[in-house]
Amino acid sequence: MIQALAQSIAFDEFIAWYPENSETRYELHRGVIVEMPKPRGKHSDVAGFLSGSLFVEIGRMNLSYFIPRECIVRTIDGESGYEPDVIVLDRQTIADDPQWEKESVITKGKSARLIIEVVSTNWRDDYAHKFTDYEALEILEYWQVDYLGLGGRRYIGNPKQPTLSVCELVDGEYEIRQFRGSDRIISPTFPDLQLTAEQVFAAGQ
């Protein structure tokens, strides 16, 4: 269950408040601290499968990317801070991000090559709020991995079915391509990735 905590605070106050070694994840949504459940079970399986698959691809292609264990993404207006299920960072640009080294905070879109959110019951955050905020931050690529087909029909169609949406930043706006079943996922960041939608969804079965 997602729970909002107390009164509105600023982003830097949120980072200073964030308890170390917490068993609970927290995000800042429009100035309000929101207690997020740690990914568990099938959600955790899907996120772990994706992280592992991309880790292997990074090594295979000898890319200057890495996948941190924890990371908070600050929105442009500073009113929100998200902890993605998976984030791929660029070693060549991360040094220019002033809050990374001491706080594991990303403030510049160019620091990240790819963000992945595994969709759960709070799907409106992934399809609406985070979509808008990641786009404004100019995150180059954003995946919405809806392995249970939970999202609204306006996002994944009718009838609902498991859908993986790849949002690619083009001229400052996301263009969306959706993948289901045996479709091979087309990723701008990992163009040679040999991974199908059903392989991802199978991790959550």
N, C-alpha and C. Protein backbone atom coordinates (compact mmCIF):
# COMPACT_ATOMS: atom_id res chain seq x y z
N MET A 1 0.85 -1.20 0.00
CA MET A 1 0.00 0.00 0.00
C MET A 1 0.88 1.24 0.00
N ILE A 2 0.50 2.22 -0.84
CA ILE A 2 1.25 3.46 -0.94
C ILE A 2 0.66 4.46 0.05
N GLN A 3 1.52 5.11 0.80
CA GLN A 3 1.05 5.99 1.87
C GLN A 3 1.79 7.31 1.81
N ALA A 4 1.06 8.43 1.84
CA ALA A 4 1.66 9.76 1.86
C ALA A 4 1.98 10.15 3.30
N LEU A 5 3.10 10.83 3.47
CA LEU A 5 3.56 11.17 4.81
C LEU A 5 3.63 12.68 5.02
N ALA A 6 2.91 13.16 5.98
CA ALA A 6 3.06 14.52 6.53
C ALA A 6 2.91 15.63 5.50
N GLN A 7 3.56 16.78 5.82
CA GLN A 7 3.32 18.00 5.06
C GLN A 7 4.29 18.13 3.89
N SER A 8 4.03 19.10 3.04
CA SER A 8 4.85 19.35 1.86
C SER A 8 6.25 19.83 2.25
N ILE A 9 7.27 19.29 1.56
CA ILE A 9 8.65 19.72 1.83
C ILE A 9 9.38 19.93 0.51
N ALA A 10 10.53 20.58 0.59
CA ALA A 10 11.37 20.82 -0.58
C ALA A 10 12.20 19.57 -0.88
N PHE A 11 12.70 19.49 -2.12
CA PHE A 11 13.45 18.31 -2.53
C PHE A 11 14.69 18.09 -1.66
N ASP A 12 15.48 19.13 -1.41
CA ASP A 12 16.70 18.98 -0.62
C ASP A 12 16.38 18.54 0.81
N GLU A 13 15.25 18.99 1.34
CA GLU A 13 14.82 18.53 2.66
C GLU A 13 14.48 17.05 2.62
N PHE A 14 13.87 16.61 1.54
CA PHE A 14 13.53 15.20 1.36
C PHE A 14 14.79 14.33 1.34
N ILE A 15 15.81 14.77 0.61
CA ILE A 15 17.06 14.01 0.52
C ILE A 15 17.76 13.96 1.88
N ALA A 16 17.76 15.09 2.58
CA ALA A 16 18.38 15.13 3.91
C ALA A 16 17.62 14.23 4.90
N TRP A 17 16.31 14.16 4.74
CA TRP A 17 15.46 13.36 5.63
C TRP A 17 15.56 11.87 5.34
N TYR A 18 15.81 11.50 4.09
CA TYR A 18 15.71 10.10 3.66
C TYR A 18 16.57 9.19 4.55
N PRO A 19 15.95 8.24 5.24
CA PRO A 19 16.70 7.38 6.18
C PRO A 19 17.62 6.40 5.46
N GLU A 20 18.85 6.30 5.93
CA GLU A 20 19.80 5.36 5.35
C GLU A 20 19.43 3.93 5.72
N ASN A 21 19.73 3.01 4.80
CA ASN A 21 19.49 1.57 5.02
C ASN A 21 18.04 1.26 5.38
N SER A 22 17.14 2.05 4.80
CA SER A 22 15.72 1.84 5.09
C SER A 22 15.20 0.61 4.35
N GLU A 23 14.29 -0.12 4.99
CA GLU A 23 13.63 -1.25 4.35
C GLU A 23 12.48 -0.77 3.47
N THR A 24 12.19 0.51 3.55
CA THR A 24 11.11 1.10 2.78
C THR A 24 11.67 2.10 1.78
N ARG A 25 11.11 2.13 0.59
CA ARG A 25 11.48 3.15 -0.39
C ARG A 25 10.56 4.36 -0.23
N TYR A 26 11.10 5.53 -0.52
CA TYR A 26 10.29 6.73 -0.47
C TYR A 26 10.51 7.53 -1.76
N GLU A 27 9.47 8.20 -2.20
CA GLU A 27 9.56 9.13 -3.31
C GLU A 27 8.90 10.44 -2.89
N LEU A 28 9.27 11.50 -3.57
CA LEU A 28 8.65 12.80 -3.34
C LEU A 28 7.73 13.08 -4.52
N HIS A 29 6.44 13.22 -4.23
CA HIS A 29 5.46 13.49 -5.27
C HIS A 29 4.81 14.85 -5.02
N ARG A 30 5.17 15.81 -5.85
CA ARG A 30 4.61 17.17 -5.74
C ARG A 30 4.77 17.73 -4.32
N GLY A 31 5.95 17.52 -3.76
CA GLY A 31 6.26 18.07 -2.45
C GLY A 31 5.83 17.23 -1.27
N VAL A 32 5.23 16.08 -1.53
CA VAL A 32 4.74 15.21 -0.45
C VAL A 32 5.53 13.90 -0.48
N ILE A 33 6.06 13.51 0.67
CA ILE A 33 6.78 12.23 0.77
C ILE A 33 5.77 11.08 0.68
N VAL A 34 6.07 10.16 -0.22
CA VAL A 34 5.19 9.00 -0.42
C VAL A 34 5.96 7.73 -0.10
N GLU A 35 5.43 6.93 0.80
CA GLU A 35 6.04 5.66 1.15
C GLU A 35 5.69 4.63 0.08
N MET A 36 6.72 4.08 -0.54
CA MET A 36 6.52 3.14 -1.64
C MET A 36 6.89 1.73 -1.18
N PRO A 37 6.11 0.74 -1.54
CA PRO A 37 6.50 -0.63 -1.17
C PRO A 37 7.75 -1.03 -1.94
N LYS A 38 8.67 -1.72 -1.27
CA LYS A 38 9.84 -2.25 -1.96
C LYS A 38 9.37 -3.26 -3.00
N PRO A 39 10.01 -3.28 -4.18
CA PRO A 39 9.62 -4.28 -5.17
C PRO A 39 9.81 -5.69 -4.61
N ARG A 40 8.76 -6.48 -4.66
CA ARG A 40 8.84 -7.84 -4.14
C ARG A 40 8.20 -8.79 -5.15
N GLY A 41 8.43 -10.06 -4.94
CA GLY A 41 7.78 -11.07 -5.75
C GLY A 41 8.00 -10.88 -7.24
N LYS A 42 6.91 -10.95 -7.99
CA LYS A 42 6.99 -10.90 -9.44
C LYS A 42 7.52 -9.55 -9.93
N HIS A 43 7.11 -8.48 -9.28
CA HIS A 43 7.61 -7.14 -9.64
C HIS A 43 9.13 -7.11 -9.54
N SER A 44 9.65 -7.64 -8.46
CA SER A 44 11.10 -7.69 -8.26
C SER A 44 11.77 -8.60 -9.28
N ASP A 45 11.11 -9.72 -9.62
CA ASP A 45 11.66 -10.64 -10.62
C ASP A 45 11.82 -9.94 -11.97
N VAL A 46 10.79 -9.19 -12.38
CA VAL A 46 10.84 -8.50 -13.67
C VAL A 46 11.93 -7.44 -13.68
N ALA A 47 11.99 -6.63 -12.61
CA ALA A 47 13.01 -5.60 -12.52
C ALA A 47 14.41 -6.21 -12.52
N GLY A 48 14.59 -7.29 -11.76
CA GLY A 48 15.89 -7.95 -11.70
C GLY A 48 16.29 -8.57 -13.03
N PHE A 49 15.33 -9.16 -13.72
CA PHE A 49 15.61 -9.74 -15.04
C PHE A 49 16.06 -8.67 -16.02
N LEU A 50 15.38 -7.54 -16.02
CA LEU A 50 15.75 -6.45 -16.93
C LEU A 50 17.11 -5.87 -16.58
N SER A 51 17.35 -5.65 -15.30
CA SER A 51 18.64 -5.12 -14.87
C SER A 51 19.77 -6.06 -15.28
N GLY A 52 19.56 -7.36 -15.06
CA GLY A 52 20.58 -8.34 -15.42
C GLY A 52 20.82 -8.41 -16.92
N SER A 53 19.74 -8.37 -17.69
CA SER A 53 19.86 -8.43 -19.15
C SER A 53 20.62 -7.22 -19.69
N LEU A 54 20.33 -6.04 -19.16
CA LEU A 54 21.01 -4.84 -19.62
C LEU A 54 22.46 -4.80 -19.15
N PHE A 55 22.71 -5.32 -17.95
CA PHE A 55 24.09 -5.41 -17.44
C PHE A 55 24.95 -6.25 -18.39
N VAL A 56 24.40 -7.38 -18.82
CA VAL A 56 25.12 -8.25 -19.75
C VAL A 56 25.36 -7.54 -21.08
N GLU A 57 24.34 -6.81 -21.55
CA GLU A 57 24.48 -6.10 -22.83
C GLU A 57 25.51 -4.98 -22.74
N ILE A 58 25.55 -4.28 -21.62
CA ILE A 58 26.55 -3.24 -21.41
C ILE A 58 27.95 -3.82 -21.50
N GLY A 59 28.15 -4.97 -20.86
CA GLY A 59 29.46 -5.62 -20.90
C GLY A 59 29.79 -6.15 -22.28
N ARG A 60 28.80 -6.75 -22.93
CA ARG A 60 29.04 -7.33 -24.26
C ARG A 60 29.45 -6.28 -25.27
N MET A 61 28.81 -5.10 -25.18
CA MET A 61 29.09 -4.02 -26.12
C MET A 61 30.19 -3.08 -25.64
N ASN A 62 30.71 -3.34 -24.43
CA ASN A 62 31.76 -2.50 -23.85
C ASN A 62 31.34 -1.03 -23.81
N LEU A 63 30.12 -0.79 -23.31
CA LEU A 63 29.57 0.56 -23.24
C LEU A 63 29.97 1.23 -21.94
N SER A 64 30.03 2.55 -21.96
CA SER A 64 30.43 3.31 -20.76
C SER A 64 29.20 3.64 -19.91
N TYR A 65 28.35 2.63 -19.67
CA TYR A 65 27.15 2.79 -18.87
C TYR A 65 27.26 1.93 -17.61
N PHE A 66 26.45 2.25 -16.61
CA PHE A 66 26.36 1.39 -15.43
C PHE A 66 24.97 1.49 -14.83
N ILE A 67 24.63 0.50 -14.01
CA ILE A 67 23.32 0.43 -13.38
C ILE A 67 23.52 0.52 -11.87
N PRO A 68 23.18 1.65 -11.26
CA PRO A 68 23.40 1.79 -9.81
C PRO A 68 22.39 1.00 -9.00
N ARG A 69 22.77 0.69 -7.79
CA ARG A 69 21.85 -0.03 -6.89
C ARG A 69 20.70 0.88 -6.47
N GLU A 70 21.02 2.15 -6.20
CA GLU A 70 19.99 3.11 -5.79
C GLU A 70 20.23 4.44 -6.48
N CYS A 71 19.16 5.15 -6.75
CA CYS A 71 19.28 6.45 -7.43
C CYS A 71 17.95 7.18 -7.31
N ILE A 72 18.01 8.48 -7.04
CA ILE A 72 16.82 9.33 -7.03
C ILE A 72 16.91 10.30 -8.20
N VAL A 73 15.84 10.42 -8.95
CA VAL A 73 15.78 11.34 -10.09
C VAL A 73 14.96 12.55 -9.69
N ARG A 74 15.60 13.71 -9.70
CA ARG A 74 14.93 14.97 -9.34
C ARG A 74 14.27 15.58 -10.57
N THR A 75 13.01 15.96 -10.44
CA THR A 75 12.32 16.60 -11.56
C THR A 75 12.82 18.03 -11.74
N ILE A 76 12.53 18.59 -12.89
CA ILE A 76 13.02 19.94 -13.21
C ILE A 76 12.54 20.97 -12.20
N ASP A 77 11.27 20.88 -11.78
CA ASP A 77 10.74 21.86 -10.85
C ASP A 77 11.16 21.58 -9.40
N GLY A 78 11.81 20.45 -9.15
CA GLY A 78 12.26 20.12 -7.81
C GLY A 78 11.15 19.73 -6.86
N GLU A 79 9.94 19.54 -7.36
CA GLU A 79 8.83 19.18 -6.49
C GLU A 79 8.67 17.68 -6.32
N SER A 80 9.38 16.90 -7.17
CA SER A 80 9.26 15.45 -7.10
C SER A 80 10.63 14.80 -7.23
N GLY A 81 10.75 13.61 -6.66
CA GLY A 81 11.96 12.81 -6.78
C GLY A 81 11.57 11.35 -6.84
N TYR A 82 11.99 10.66 -7.90
CA TYR A 82 11.57 9.28 -8.12
C TYR A 82 12.76 8.32 -8.03
N GLU A 83 12.49 7.11 -7.57
CA GLU A 83 13.49 6.05 -7.53
C GLU A 83 13.07 4.97 -8.52
N PRO A 84 13.63 5.00 -9.73
CA PRO A 84 13.19 4.05 -10.77
C PRO A 84 13.50 2.61 -10.39
N ASP A 85 12.76 1.68 -11.01
CA ASP A 85 13.04 0.27 -10.81
C ASP A 85 14.40 -0.08 -11.41
N VAL A 86 14.71 0.49 -12.56
CA VAL A 86 16.02 0.31 -13.20
C VAL A 86 16.40 1.63 -13.85
N ILE A 87 17.67 2.04 -13.68
CA ILE A 87 18.16 3.22 -14.37
C ILE A 87 19.56 2.92 -14.89
N VAL A 88 19.81 3.30 -16.14
CA VAL A 88 21.12 3.13 -16.76
C VAL A 88 21.76 4.51 -16.87
N LEU A 89 22.90 4.67 -16.22
CA LEU A 89 23.59 5.96 -16.19
C LEU A 89 24.81 5.94 -17.11
N ASP A 90 25.19 7.13 -17.55
CA ASP A 90 26.30 7.30 -18.49
C ASP A 90 27.53 7.80 -17.73
N ARG A 91 28.60 7.01 -17.72
CA ARG A 91 29.81 7.39 -17.00
C ARG A 91 30.44 8.66 -17.57
N GLN A 92 30.20 8.95 -18.83
CA GLN A 92 30.84 10.11 -19.47
C GLN A 92 30.16 11.43 -19.11
N THR A 93 28.95 11.38 -18.62
CA THR A 93 28.22 12.62 -18.30
C THR A 93 27.88 12.76 -16.82
N ILE A 94 27.97 11.65 -16.07
CA ILE A 94 27.53 11.67 -14.67
C ILE A 94 28.37 12.62 -13.82
N ALA A 95 29.63 12.85 -14.20
CA ALA A 95 30.50 13.72 -13.41
C ALA A 95 30.00 15.16 -13.37
N ASP A 96 29.18 15.53 -14.37
CA ASP A 96 28.65 16.89 -14.43
C ASP A 96 27.39 17.08 -13.60
N ASP A 97 26.91 16.00 -12.99
CA ASP A 97 25.69 16.07 -12.20
C ASP A 97 26.08 16.35 -10.75
N PRO A 98 25.77 17.54 -10.22
CA PRO A 98 26.35 17.99 -8.95
C PRO A 98 25.95 17.19 -7.72
N GLN A 99 24.82 16.50 -7.72
CA GLN A 99 24.38 15.79 -6.52
C GLN A 99 24.61 14.29 -6.58
N TRP A 100 25.24 13.81 -7.66
CA TRP A 100 25.40 12.38 -7.78
C TRP A 100 26.39 11.80 -6.78
N GLU A 101 27.58 12.36 -6.72
CA GLU A 101 28.66 11.75 -5.95
C GLU A 101 28.33 11.59 -4.47
N LYS A 102 27.71 12.59 -3.87
CA LYS A 102 27.44 12.54 -2.43
C LYS A 102 26.05 12.03 -2.08
N GLU A 103 25.10 12.17 -3.01
CA GLU A 103 23.71 11.86 -2.65
C GLU A 103 23.01 10.87 -3.57
N SER A 104 23.69 10.40 -4.62
CA SER A 104 23.08 9.48 -5.60
C SER A 104 21.81 10.08 -6.20
N VAL A 105 21.87 11.37 -6.47
CA VAL A 105 20.73 12.09 -7.05
C VAL A 105 21.07 12.54 -8.47
N ILE A 106 20.14 12.32 -9.38
CA ILE A 106 20.28 12.75 -10.77
C ILE A 106 19.43 14.01 -10.97
N THR A 107 20.06 15.07 -11.47
CA THR A 107 19.33 16.31 -11.72
C THR A 107 19.35 16.69 -13.20
N LYS A 108 20.19 16.02 -13.99
CA LYS A 108 20.33 16.33 -15.42
C LYS A 108 19.92 15.13 -16.26
N GLY A 109 19.06 15.38 -17.23
CA GLY A 109 18.59 14.29 -18.06
C GLY A 109 19.69 13.56 -18.80
N LYS A 110 20.75 14.28 -19.16
CA LYS A 110 21.83 13.65 -19.94
C LYS A 110 22.63 12.64 -19.12
N SER A 111 22.43 12.61 -17.80
CA SER A 111 23.12 11.63 -16.97
C SER A 111 22.58 10.22 -17.20
N ALA A 112 21.32 10.12 -17.59
CA ALA A 112 20.66 8.82 -17.74
C ALA A 112 20.46 8.48 -19.21
N ARG A 113 20.74 7.24 -19.54
CA ARG A 113 20.47 6.75 -20.89
C ARG A 113 19.10 6.09 -20.99
N LEU A 114 18.67 5.49 -19.88
CA LEU A 114 17.41 4.74 -19.90
C LEU A 114 16.86 4.63 -18.49
N ILE A 115 15.54 4.83 -18.37
CA ILE A 115 14.84 4.59 -17.11
C ILE A 115 13.74 3.57 -17.38
N ILE A 116 13.60 2.61 -16.45
CA ILE A 116 12.55 1.60 -16.55
C ILE A 116 11.70 1.63 -15.29
N GLU A 117 10.39 1.68 -15.49
CA GLU A 117 9.44 1.54 -14.39
C GLU A 117 8.60 0.30 -14.66
N VAL A 118 8.56 -0.62 -13.69
CA VAL A 118 7.70 -1.78 -13.77
C VAL A 118 6.35 -1.38 -13.20
N VAL A 119 5.32 -1.46 -14.03
CA VAL A 119 4.00 -0.93 -13.68
C VAL A 119 3.32 -1.80 -12.62
N SER A 120 2.75 -1.14 -11.62
CA SER A 120 2.00 -1.84 -10.58
C SER A 120 0.65 -1.14 -10.40
N THR A 121 0.04 -1.34 -9.25
CA THR A 121 -1.32 -0.83 -9.06
C THR A 121 -1.39 0.70 -9.10
N ASN A 122 -0.26 1.38 -8.87
CA ASN A 122 -0.25 2.84 -8.99
C ASN A 122 0.19 3.23 -10.41
N TRP A 123 -0.43 2.58 -11.39
CA TRP A 123 -0.02 2.75 -12.79
C TRP A 123 -0.17 4.17 -13.30
N ARG A 124 -1.02 4.96 -12.70
CA ARG A 124 -1.18 6.35 -13.16
C ARG A 124 0.12 7.14 -13.01
N ASP A 125 0.89 6.83 -11.97
CA ASP A 125 2.19 7.50 -11.79
C ASP A 125 3.10 7.22 -12.98
N ASP A 126 3.18 5.94 -13.39
CA ASP A 126 4.09 5.55 -14.45
C ASP A 126 3.66 6.07 -15.82
N TYR A 127 2.37 6.03 -16.09
CA TYR A 127 1.86 6.43 -17.40
C TYR A 127 1.62 7.93 -17.54
N ALA A 128 1.40 8.62 -16.44
CA ALA A 128 1.08 10.05 -16.50
C ALA A 128 2.17 10.91 -15.88
N HIS A 129 2.28 10.90 -14.55
CA HIS A 129 3.20 11.82 -13.87
C HIS A 129 4.65 11.59 -14.26
N LYS A 130 5.12 10.35 -14.17
CA LYS A 130 6.53 10.10 -14.47
C LYS A 130 6.81 10.27 -15.96
N PHE A 131 5.87 9.90 -16.77
CA PHE A 131 6.02 10.11 -18.22
C PHE A 131 6.29 11.59 -18.51
N THR A 132 5.45 12.45 -17.94
CA THR A 132 5.58 13.89 -18.16
C THR A 132 6.88 14.43 -17.58
N ASP A 133 7.22 14.00 -16.38
CA ASP A 133 8.41 14.52 -15.72
C ASP A 133 9.70 14.03 -16.38
N TYR A 134 9.75 12.77 -16.78
CA TYR A 134 10.95 12.26 -17.47
C TYR A 134 11.11 12.92 -18.84
N GLU A 135 10.00 13.17 -19.49
CA GLU A 135 10.04 13.86 -20.79
C GLU A 135 10.58 15.28 -20.62
N ALA A 136 10.09 16.00 -19.62
CA ALA A 136 10.54 17.36 -19.37
C ALA A 136 12.01 17.41 -19.00
N LEU A 137 12.48 16.37 -18.30
CA LEU A 137 13.89 16.29 -17.91
C LEU A 137 14.77 15.87 -19.09
N GLU A 138 14.12 15.46 -20.17
CA GLU A 138 14.79 15.01 -21.40
C GLU A 138 15.60 13.72 -21.18
N ILE A 139 14.98 12.81 -20.43
CA ILE A 139 15.52 11.44 -20.35
C ILE A 139 15.33 10.82 -21.74
N LEU A 140 16.41 10.31 -22.31
CA LEU A 140 16.38 9.88 -23.71
C LEU A 140 15.45 8.72 -23.97
N GLU A 141 15.32 7.82 -23.01
CA GLU A 141 14.51 6.62 -23.22
C GLU A 141 13.87 6.19 -21.91
N TYR A 142 12.59 5.83 -21.99
CA TYR A 142 11.82 5.46 -20.80
C TYR A 142 10.94 4.27 -21.15
N TRP A 143 11.07 3.18 -20.37
CA TRP A 143 10.22 2.00 -20.57
C TRP A 143 9.16 1.91 -19.49
N GLN A 144 7.94 1.60 -19.90
CA GLN A 144 6.86 1.26 -18.98
C GLN A 144 6.57 -0.23 -19.18
N VAL A 145 6.94 -1.04 -18.20
CA VAL A 145 6.83 -2.49 -18.33
C VAL A 145 5.58 -2.96 -17.59
N ASP A 146 4.50 -3.11 -18.32
CA ASP A 146 3.20 -3.45 -17.74
C ASP A 146 2.96 -4.94 -17.93
N TYR A 147 3.66 -5.77 -17.13
CA TYR A 147 3.62 -7.22 -17.34
C TYR A 147 2.29 -7.85 -16.93
N LEU A 148 1.46 -7.12 -16.18
CA LEU A 148 0.15 -7.61 -15.79
C LEU A 148 -0.99 -6.96 -16.57
N GLY A 149 -0.67 -6.02 -17.43
CA GLY A 149 -1.72 -5.32 -18.18
C GLY A 149 -2.63 -4.52 -17.29
N LEU A 150 -2.04 -3.75 -16.38
CA LEU A 150 -2.82 -2.99 -15.40
C LEU A 150 -3.22 -1.60 -15.87
N GLY A 151 -2.48 -1.03 -16.79
CA GLY A 151 -2.68 0.37 -17.17
C GLY A 151 -4.04 0.63 -17.78
N GLY A 152 -4.41 1.90 -17.81
CA GLY A 152 -5.69 2.30 -18.39
C GLY A 152 -5.77 1.92 -19.87
N ARG A 153 -6.99 1.71 -20.35
CA ARG A 153 -7.19 1.31 -21.75
C ARG A 153 -6.66 2.35 -22.72
N ARG A 154 -6.65 3.62 -22.32
CA ARG A 154 -6.13 4.65 -23.21
C ARG A 154 -4.62 4.53 -23.40
N TYR A 155 -3.98 3.78 -22.51
CA TYR A 155 -2.52 3.61 -22.61
C TYR A 155 -2.14 2.29 -23.27
N ILE A 156 -2.87 1.20 -22.98
CA ILE A 156 -2.47 -0.11 -23.51
C ILE A 156 -3.53 -0.78 -24.36
N GLY A 157 -4.62 -0.07 -24.62
CA GLY A 157 -5.64 -0.61 -25.52
C GLY A 157 -6.67 -1.47 -24.82
N ASN A 158 -7.63 -1.93 -25.63
CA ASN A 158 -8.75 -2.72 -25.13
C ASN A 158 -8.97 -3.89 -26.08
N PRO A 159 -8.95 -5.13 -25.59
CA PRO A 159 -8.80 -5.54 -24.19
C PRO A 159 -7.37 -5.31 -23.68
N LYS A 160 -7.27 -5.13 -22.38
CA LYS A 160 -5.96 -4.93 -21.78
C LYS A 160 -5.13 -6.21 -21.90
N GLN A 161 -3.84 -6.03 -22.11
CA GLN A 161 -2.93 -7.17 -22.16
C GLN A 161 -1.54 -6.70 -21.77
N PRO A 162 -0.66 -7.61 -21.35
CA PRO A 162 0.71 -7.21 -21.00
C PRO A 162 1.35 -6.44 -22.15
N THR A 163 1.92 -5.30 -21.82
CA THR A 163 2.46 -4.39 -22.83
C THR A 163 3.73 -3.74 -22.32
N LEU A 164 4.75 -3.68 -23.16
CA LEU A 164 5.97 -2.97 -22.84
C LEU A 164 6.06 -1.77 -23.77
N SER A 165 6.03 -0.57 -23.20
CA SER A 165 6.06 0.66 -23.99
C SER A 165 7.44 1.29 -23.91
N VAL A 166 8.04 1.52 -25.07
CA VAL A 166 9.33 2.21 -25.14
C VAL A 166 9.07 3.64 -25.61
N CYS A 167 9.41 4.59 -24.75
CA CYS A 167 9.22 6.01 -25.04
C CYS A 167 10.58 6.60 -25.42
N GLU A 168 10.71 7.06 -26.66
CA GLU A 168 11.97 7.62 -27.15
C GLU A 168 11.82 9.13 -27.32
N LEU A 169 12.78 9.88 -26.78
CA LEU A 169 12.72 11.33 -26.88
C LEU A 169 13.12 11.77 -28.28
N VAL A 170 12.19 12.42 -28.97
CA VAL A 170 12.42 12.92 -30.32
C VAL A 170 11.97 14.37 -30.37
N ASP A 171 12.89 15.28 -30.62
CA ASP A 171 12.57 16.71 -30.66
C ASP A 171 11.85 17.17 -29.40
N GLY A 172 12.32 16.69 -28.26
CA GLY A 172 11.79 17.14 -26.98
C GLY A 172 10.51 16.48 -26.52
N GLU A 173 9.99 15.51 -27.31
CA GLU A 173 8.76 14.82 -26.93
C GLU A 173 8.95 13.32 -27.08
N TYR A 174 8.22 12.56 -26.25
CA TYR A 174 8.31 11.11 -26.33
C TYR A 174 7.46 10.58 -27.48
N GLU A 175 8.08 9.72 -28.28
CA GLU A 175 7.35 8.91 -29.24
C GLU A 175 7.29 7.50 -28.67
N ILE A 176 6.11 6.89 -28.71
CA ILE A 176 5.88 5.62 -28.02
C ILE A 176 5.73 4.48 -29.02
N ARG A 177 6.47 3.41 -28.74
CA ARG A 177 6.32 2.17 -29.50
C ARG A 177 6.03 1.06 -28.50
N GLN A 178 5.02 0.25 -28.81
CA GLN A 178 4.60 -0.78 -27.86
C GLN A 178 4.93 -2.18 -28.37
N PHE A 179 5.26 -3.07 -27.42
CA PHE A 179 5.69 -4.42 -27.74
C PHE A 179 4.91 -5.42 -26.90
N ARG A 180 4.49 -6.51 -27.57
CA ARG A 180 3.74 -7.57 -26.90
C ARG A 180 4.18 -8.92 -27.47
N GLY A 181 3.93 -9.96 -26.70
CA GLY A 181 4.20 -11.31 -27.19
C GLY A 181 5.63 -11.49 -27.66
N SER A 182 5.77 -12.02 -28.89
CA SER A 182 7.09 -12.35 -29.43
C SER A 182 7.79 -11.16 -30.08
N ASP A 183 7.23 -9.94 -29.95
CA ASP A 183 7.88 -8.75 -30.51
C ASP A 183 9.26 -8.57 -29.89
N ARG A 184 10.28 -8.37 -30.73
CA ARG A 184 11.59 -8.01 -30.18
C ARG A 184 11.58 -6.54 -29.79
N ILE A 185 12.04 -6.26 -28.57
CA ILE A 185 12.05 -4.89 -28.06
C ILE A 185 13.09 -4.07 -28.82
N ILE A 186 12.66 -2.96 -29.38
CA ILE A 186 13.55 -2.06 -30.10
C ILE A 186 13.92 -0.92 -29.17
N SER A 187 15.20 -0.87 -28.80
CA SER A 187 15.69 0.13 -27.85
C SER A 187 16.71 1.03 -28.53
N PRO A 188 16.49 2.34 -28.54
CA PRO A 188 17.49 3.27 -29.10
C PRO A 188 18.83 3.19 -28.38
N THR A 189 18.80 2.94 -27.07
CA THR A 189 20.03 2.88 -26.28
C THR A 189 20.79 1.57 -26.52
N PHE A 190 20.02 0.48 -26.71
CA PHE A 190 20.61 -0.85 -26.91
C PHE A 190 20.06 -1.44 -28.21
N PRO A 191 20.49 -0.94 -29.36
CA PRO A 191 19.90 -1.35 -30.64
C PRO A 191 20.10 -2.82 -30.98
N ASP A 192 21.10 -3.48 -30.40
CA ASP A 192 21.36 -4.89 -30.71
C ASP A 192 20.77 -5.82 -29.66
N LEU A 193 19.99 -5.29 -28.74
CA LEU A 193 19.41 -6.10 -27.67
C LEU A 193 18.50 -7.18 -28.25
N GLN A 194 18.77 -8.43 -27.88
CA GLN A 194 17.96 -9.55 -28.34
C GLN A 194 17.04 -10.00 -27.20
N LEU A 195 15.94 -9.32 -27.08
CA LEU A 195 15.01 -9.57 -25.97
C LEU A 195 13.59 -9.32 -26.45
N THR A 196 12.70 -10.24 -26.18
CA THR A 196 11.31 -10.08 -26.58
C THR A 196 10.46 -9.66 -25.39
N ALA A 197 9.29 -9.13 -25.69
CA ALA A 197 8.36 -8.74 -24.63
C ALA A 197 7.98 -9.95 -23.78
N GLU A 198 7.70 -11.10 -24.42
CA GLU A 198 7.27 -12.27 -23.65
C GLU A 198 8.37 -12.81 -22.74
N GLN A 199 9.63 -12.62 -23.13
CA GLN A 199 10.73 -13.02 -22.25
C GLN A 199 10.74 -12.18 -20.97
N VAL A 200 10.46 -10.90 -21.12
CA VAL A 200 10.38 -10.01 -19.95
C VAL A 200 9.19 -10.39 -19.08
N PHE A 201 8.03 -10.56 -19.72
CA PHE A 201 6.81 -10.86 -18.95
C PHE A 201 6.91 -12.21 -18.25
N ALA A 202 7.65 -13.16 -18.85
CA ALA A 202 7.77 -14.49 -18.26
C ALA A 202 8.45 -14.43 -16.90
N ALA A 203 9.28 -13.42 -16.68
CA ALA A 203 9.93 -13.27 -15.38
C ALA A 203 8.92 -12.97 -14.28
N GLY A 204 7.74 -12.49 -14.68
CA GLY A 204 6.72 -12.16 -13.68
C GLY A 204 5.61 -13.19 -13.58
N GLN A 205 5.81 -14.35 -14.20
CA GLN A 205 4.77 -15.38 -14.18
C GLN A 205 4.86 -16.23 -12.92
